[in-house]
Protein backbone atom coordinates (compact mmCIF):
# COMPACT_ATOMS: atom_id res chain seq x y z
CA MET A 1 -62.91 52.67 -26.41
CA SER A 2 -62.41 55.20 -23.59
CA LEU A 3 -64.23 54.92 -20.27
CA PRO A 4 -66.85 57.46 -19.09
CA PRO A 5 -65.29 60.75 -17.93
CA LEU A 6 -64.27 61.16 -14.30
CA GLU A 7 -64.10 64.16 -12.03
CA ILE A 8 -60.65 64.91 -10.66
CA SER A 9 -62.00 64.96 -7.11
CA ASP A 10 -63.20 61.38 -7.59
CA VAL A 11 -59.70 60.07 -8.34
CA ILE A 12 -57.61 62.02 -5.80
CA THR A 13 -59.77 61.34 -2.71
CA PRO A 14 -59.91 59.75 -0.24
CA GLY A 15 -56.19 59.33 0.29
CA PRO A 16 -53.61 58.00 0.16
CA VAL A 17 -53.66 58.00 -3.65
CA ARG A 18 -50.83 57.27 -6.07
CA ARG A 19 -50.46 60.17 -8.48
CA SER A 20 -49.56 57.97 -11.45
CA GLU A 21 -52.62 55.77 -10.91
CA ALA A 22 -54.95 58.77 -10.66
CA ALA A 23 -53.52 60.23 -13.88
CA ALA A 24 -53.80 56.84 -15.62
CA ARG A 25 -57.48 56.57 -14.71
CA LEU A 26 -58.13 59.97 -16.26
CA ARG A 27 -56.19 59.11 -19.42
CA ALA A 28 -58.22 55.89 -19.74
CA SER A 29 -61.22 58.22 -20.04
CA SER A 30 -59.44 60.35 -22.67
CA GLN A 31 -59.05 63.24 -20.19
CA GLU A 32 -55.53 64.36 -20.99
CA GLN A 33 -55.89 67.88 -19.57
CA ALA A 34 -57.26 66.53 -16.28
CA ALA A 35 -54.43 63.99 -16.10
CA ARG A 36 -51.88 66.78 -16.50
CA LEU A 37 -53.54 68.75 -13.71
CA VAL A 38 -53.15 65.75 -11.40
CA GLU A 39 -49.53 65.27 -12.42
CA ARG A 40 -48.80 68.83 -11.28
CA LEU A 41 -50.01 68.07 -7.75
CA PRO A 42 -47.19 67.56 -5.21
CA ALA A 43 -46.34 63.98 -4.27
CA THR A 44 -43.73 61.98 -2.38
CA ASP A 45 -42.70 58.63 -3.85
CA ASP A 46 -45.70 58.98 -6.20
CA VAL A 47 -48.18 59.35 -3.30
CA LEU A 48 -50.16 62.60 -3.46
CA ASP A 49 -49.39 65.00 -0.63
CA GLU A 50 -52.34 64.58 1.73
CA PRO A 51 -52.30 68.07 3.31
CA HIS A 52 -52.18 69.65 -0.15
CA VAL A 53 -55.13 67.57 -1.38
CA VAL A 54 -57.13 68.35 1.77
CA ALA A 55 -56.50 72.08 1.32
CA LEU A 56 -57.37 71.84 -2.38
CA MET A 57 -60.67 70.08 -1.70
CA ARG A 58 -61.57 72.69 0.90
CA ARG A 59 -61.01 75.45 -1.65
CA VAL A 60 -63.09 73.56 -4.22
CA HIS A 61 -65.95 73.09 -1.76
CA ALA A 62 -65.78 76.73 -0.75
CA GLU A 63 -66.45 77.56 -4.40
CA LEU A 64 -69.30 75.04 -4.45
CA GLN A 65 -70.74 76.79 -1.39
CA ARG A 66 -70.74 80.08 -3.29
CA LEU A 67 -72.68 78.40 -6.09
CA GLY A 68 -75.20 77.06 -3.55
CA GLU A 69 -75.59 80.54 -2.11
CA GLU A 70 -76.28 82.08 -5.52
CA LEU A 71 -78.78 79.34 -6.40
CA GLN A 72 -80.50 79.76 -3.00
CA LEU A 73 -80.22 76.01 -2.54
CA PRO A 74 -80.73 75.79 1.25
CA GLN A 75 -83.85 77.94 1.01
CA ARG A 76 -85.29 75.62 -1.63
CA ILE A 77 -84.43 72.54 0.42
CA SER A 78 -86.10 74.09 3.45
CA GLU A 79 -89.29 74.64 1.46
CA ASP A 80 -89.30 71.02 0.26
CA LEU A 81 -88.63 69.74 3.78
CA ASP A 82 -91.64 71.70 5.04
CA ARG A 83 -93.82 70.09 2.39
CA LEU A 84 -92.53 66.60 3.17
CA ARG A 85 -92.91 67.10 6.92
CA GLU A 86 -96.51 68.14 6.48
CA ALA A 87 -97.15 64.99 4.44
CA MET A 88 -95.49 62.98 7.25
CA GLY A 89 -97.87 64.46 9.83
CA ASN A 90 -95.14 66.68 11.27
CA ARG A 91 -93.20 63.65 12.53
CA LEU A 92 -89.81 64.84 11.22
CA ARG A 93 -87.05 64.05 13.72
CA ARG A 94 -83.89 63.85 11.59
CA VAL A 95 -82.41 65.14 8.32
CA VAL A 96 -79.37 63.29 6.94
CA ASP A 97 -77.29 65.03 4.26
CA LEU A 98 -75.32 62.51 2.18
CA GLY A 99 -72.03 63.72 0.72
CA CYS A 100 -72.44 66.98 2.61
CA GLY A 101 -68.97 68.33 1.80
CA SER A 102 -68.37 71.57 3.72
CA GLY A 103 -71.75 71.16 5.45
CA TYR A 104 -73.06 74.42 4.02
CA VAL A 105 -76.66 73.24 3.58
CA LEU A 106 -76.93 71.87 7.13
CA ARG A 107 -75.18 74.91 8.58
CA TRP A 108 -77.85 77.07 6.94
CA LEU A 109 -80.71 74.76 7.96
CA SER A 110 -79.41 74.73 11.53
CA HIS A 111 -80.60 78.34 11.85
CA ASP A 112 -83.98 77.68 10.19
CA PRO A 113 -86.69 78.18 12.85
CA SER A 114 -88.92 75.63 11.14
CA LEU A 115 -86.36 72.90 11.90
CA THR A 116 -85.93 73.65 15.59
CA GLY A 117 -85.51 70.36 17.45
CA VAL A 118 -84.75 68.36 14.29
CA ASP A 119 -81.48 66.39 14.40
CA LEU A 120 -79.20 67.41 11.50
CA VAL A 121 -76.52 64.93 10.43
CA GLY A 122 -73.95 65.44 7.67
CA VAL A 123 -72.19 62.38 6.24
CA ASP A 124 -69.24 62.23 3.85
CA HIS A 125 -66.47 59.77 2.98
CA ASP A 126 -63.77 62.47 3.17
CA PRO A 127 -62.40 62.84 6.74
CA GLY A 128 -60.70 66.15 5.85
CA LEU A 129 -63.97 67.68 4.74
CA MET A 130 -65.82 66.43 7.80
CA GLU A 131 -63.23 67.91 10.14
CA TRP A 132 -63.51 71.20 8.25
CA ALA A 133 -67.33 71.12 8.26
CA ALA A 134 -67.32 70.60 12.02
CA ARG A 135 -64.99 73.59 12.53
CA LEU A 136 -67.10 75.80 10.24
CA GLY A 137 -70.20 74.64 12.08
CA ALA A 138 -68.70 75.54 15.44
CA ALA A 139 -67.83 79.00 14.13
CA ASP A 140 -71.40 79.38 12.79
CA GLY A 141 -72.98 78.30 16.07
CA CYS A 142 -74.36 75.36 14.11
CA ARG A 143 -75.96 72.45 15.98
CA ALA A 144 -75.51 69.94 13.13
CA ARG A 145 -73.06 67.08 13.56
CA PHE A 146 -70.76 65.72 10.88
CA VAL A 147 -69.58 62.11 10.61
CA VAL A 148 -67.35 60.12 8.26
CA GLY A 149 -68.98 57.21 6.48
CA ASP A 150 -72.05 56.18 4.53
CA ALA A 151 -75.42 56.47 6.25
CA LEU A 152 -76.98 54.08 3.73
CA ALA A 153 -74.31 51.38 3.90
CA PRO A 154 -75.58 47.83 4.57
CA GLY A 155 -75.77 47.13 8.27
CA VAL A 156 -75.95 50.79 9.30
CA ALA A 157 -79.11 51.44 11.28
CA ILE A 158 -80.81 54.86 11.24
CA ASP A 159 -82.64 55.71 14.45
CA GLU A 160 -86.32 56.49 13.91
CA PRO A 161 -86.19 55.94 10.13
CA GLU A 162 -89.94 56.58 9.89
CA ALA A 163 -89.21 60.18 10.95
CA THR A 164 -86.05 60.65 8.84
CA ILE A 165 -85.54 62.45 5.53
CA VAL A 166 -82.35 61.90 3.52
CA ILE A 167 -81.10 64.72 1.28
CA SER A 168 -78.10 65.42 -0.94
CA SER A 169 -76.90 68.03 -3.40
CA GLY A 170 -74.58 67.32 -6.29
CA VAL A 171 -74.25 63.61 -5.50
CA LEU A 172 -76.43 61.72 -8.01
CA HIS A 173 -74.28 62.49 -11.05
CA HIS A 174 -71.38 60.69 -9.36
CA ILE A 175 -73.42 57.46 -9.48
CA PRO A 176 -73.45 55.50 -12.76
CA ALA A 177 -76.93 55.08 -14.23
CA GLY A 178 -76.80 51.31 -13.71
CA ASP A 179 -76.15 51.76 -9.99
CA LEU A 180 -78.99 54.20 -9.32
CA PRO A 181 -81.60 51.51 -8.48
CA GLU A 182 -79.25 50.09 -5.83
CA PHE A 183 -78.69 53.58 -4.40
CA PHE A 184 -82.42 54.18 -4.04
CA ALA A 185 -82.97 50.64 -2.76
CA ALA A 186 -80.68 51.51 0.17
CA HIS A 187 -83.20 54.18 1.22
CA ALA A 188 -85.96 51.59 1.25
CA ALA A 189 -83.77 49.14 3.18
CA ALA A 190 -83.07 51.83 5.79
CA GLY A 191 -86.82 52.53 5.97
CA VAL A 192 -86.51 56.32 5.77
CA ALA A 193 -89.73 58.27 5.36
CA ALA A 194 -88.61 60.31 2.37
CA PHE A 195 -85.63 61.54 0.38
CA ALA A 196 -84.82 64.58 -1.75
CA HIS A 197 -81.72 64.59 -3.92
CA TYR A 198 -80.73 67.74 -5.83
CA ASP A 199 -78.65 67.45 -8.99
CA PRO A 200 -78.22 69.36 -12.26
CA GLU A 201 -80.98 69.07 -14.81
CA PRO A 202 -79.34 68.17 -18.13
CA GLY A 203 -80.08 70.39 -21.08
CA TRP A 204 -78.67 73.10 -23.32
CA LEU A 205 -79.25 75.90 -20.78
CA THR A 206 -77.50 73.97 -18.04
CA ASN A 207 -74.52 73.13 -20.24
CA ALA A 208 -74.10 76.64 -21.63
CA GLY A 209 -74.64 78.34 -18.28
CA SER A 210 -72.28 75.92 -16.56
CA TRP A 211 -69.47 76.59 -19.00
CA LEU A 212 -69.87 80.35 -18.66
CA PHE A 213 -70.28 80.32 -14.87
CA HIS A 214 -67.31 78.10 -14.15
CA ARG A 215 -65.03 80.07 -16.45
CA ALA A 216 -66.12 83.38 -14.94
CA ARG A 217 -66.44 82.52 -11.24
CA MET A 218 -64.29 79.51 -10.34
CA ARG A 219 -60.65 80.18 -9.47
CA GLU A 220 -59.50 76.58 -9.04
CA ALA A 221 -58.73 74.59 -12.19
CA VAL A 222 -60.19 71.51 -10.50
CA SER A 223 -63.43 73.41 -9.79
CA ARG A 224 -63.72 74.50 -13.41
CA HIS A 225 -63.06 70.98 -14.70
CA ASP A 226 -65.26 69.08 -12.24
CA GLY A 227 -68.08 71.61 -12.13
CA ASN A 228 -68.61 71.70 -15.86
CA LEU A 229 -68.31 67.92 -16.12
CA SER A 230 -70.89 67.51 -13.33
CA MET A 231 -73.50 69.21 -15.45
CA ARG A 232 -72.77 66.97 -18.42
CA ARG A 233 -72.91 63.80 -16.28
CA ALA A 234 -76.33 64.57 -14.83
CA HIS A 235 -79.13 62.01 -15.22
CA PRO A 236 -82.38 62.93 -17.00
CA ALA A 237 -85.57 62.92 -14.96
CA ALA A 238 -86.93 59.81 -16.66
CA ALA A 239 -83.86 57.80 -15.66
CA LEU A 240 -84.11 58.93 -12.03
CA LEU A 241 -87.82 58.14 -11.81
CA ALA A 242 -87.27 54.70 -13.35
CA ALA A 243 -84.46 54.00 -10.88
CA VAL A 244 -86.66 54.92 -7.91
CA ALA A 245 -89.49 52.75 -9.24
CA GLU A 246 -87.08 49.81 -9.54
CA GLY A 247 -85.12 50.30 -6.33
CA SER A 248 -87.76 51.76 -4.02
CA PRO A 249 -91.13 50.64 -5.37
CA GLY A 250 -92.88 51.57 -2.11
CA TYR A 251 -92.09 55.26 -2.61
CA THR A 252 -94.00 57.80 -4.67
CA ALA A 253 -91.55 59.98 -6.58
CA GLU A 254 -91.58 63.22 -8.50
CA CYS A 255 -88.84 64.99 -10.43
CA VAL A 256 -89.95 68.49 -11.33
CA GLY A 257 -87.57 70.31 -13.63
CA GLY A 258 -87.95 73.27 -15.91
CA GLN A 259 -84.80 74.94 -17.16
CA SER A 260 -84.27 78.20 -15.29
CA VAL A 261 -81.34 80.08 -13.79
CA LEU A 262 -82.16 79.37 -10.14
CA ARG A 263 -83.41 75.82 -10.69
CA VAL A 264 -80.42 74.30 -12.42
CA LEU A 265 -80.32 71.88 -9.48
CA ARG A 266 -83.69 70.15 -9.53
CA PRO A 267 -84.66 67.50 -7.00
CA ILE A 268 -86.03 64.04 -7.23
CA ILE A 269 -88.30 63.77 -4.21
CA ALA A 270 -89.85 60.56 -2.95
CA SER A 271 -92.04 59.70 0.02
CA LYS A 272 -93.01 56.36 1.49
CA GLY A 273 -96.70 55.71 1.72
CA VAL A 274 -97.69 59.25 0.81
């Protein structure tokens, strides 16, 4: 029996990564084409070339940024943040973006007048992406800061959690269904006021549109492979709501979908004590 499918980006980062091991992981999931793509990446003594992988992931995330632009994702997040802040009594002090990649969402929000004075923090495990996000932010005149790590890791304290909202886009489908309650429990352990995580809504329209979009618009083979797979790995709303109820029982959650072109990424939004 093969294992669940993996995205190429999941097996080649963070480095150093052995090329043969990355290809073997993909073959164990019956992903022969993806394994061959990895085997074509440059390596020395079987270790993937780090500068090449960093440059590749930057190109992939640049294509993801274009998708976010076309879906008007930062605008939608801004609207949801306004609604959550009002429910919090306008006590919003910090927004933390998990797995922020190129930092596109925070770079856009940095220029949102409604978030003036709010601390914007991007967090990602990939040092290459965080260095790139910081450089892009400096070029944008962005006031957000970008750090390597996991803001919800055990033992990591978030200042003023009661005035903090955690967001993400395109992260939840990377988490196995069985691990979702633990992921949401980390929000409760940190004591954040609310969270809003945006991920594909599974369904026929998403799958068909994803296949067409990635074939037509994505130049990188890794983008086409990972992007289409992301849509197929997405969790249904019922599973997300059940995971929040189990992991963060003190939060009231909603997951409003509705298959449409601009709302392929639908959020699960939860607030504490609201």
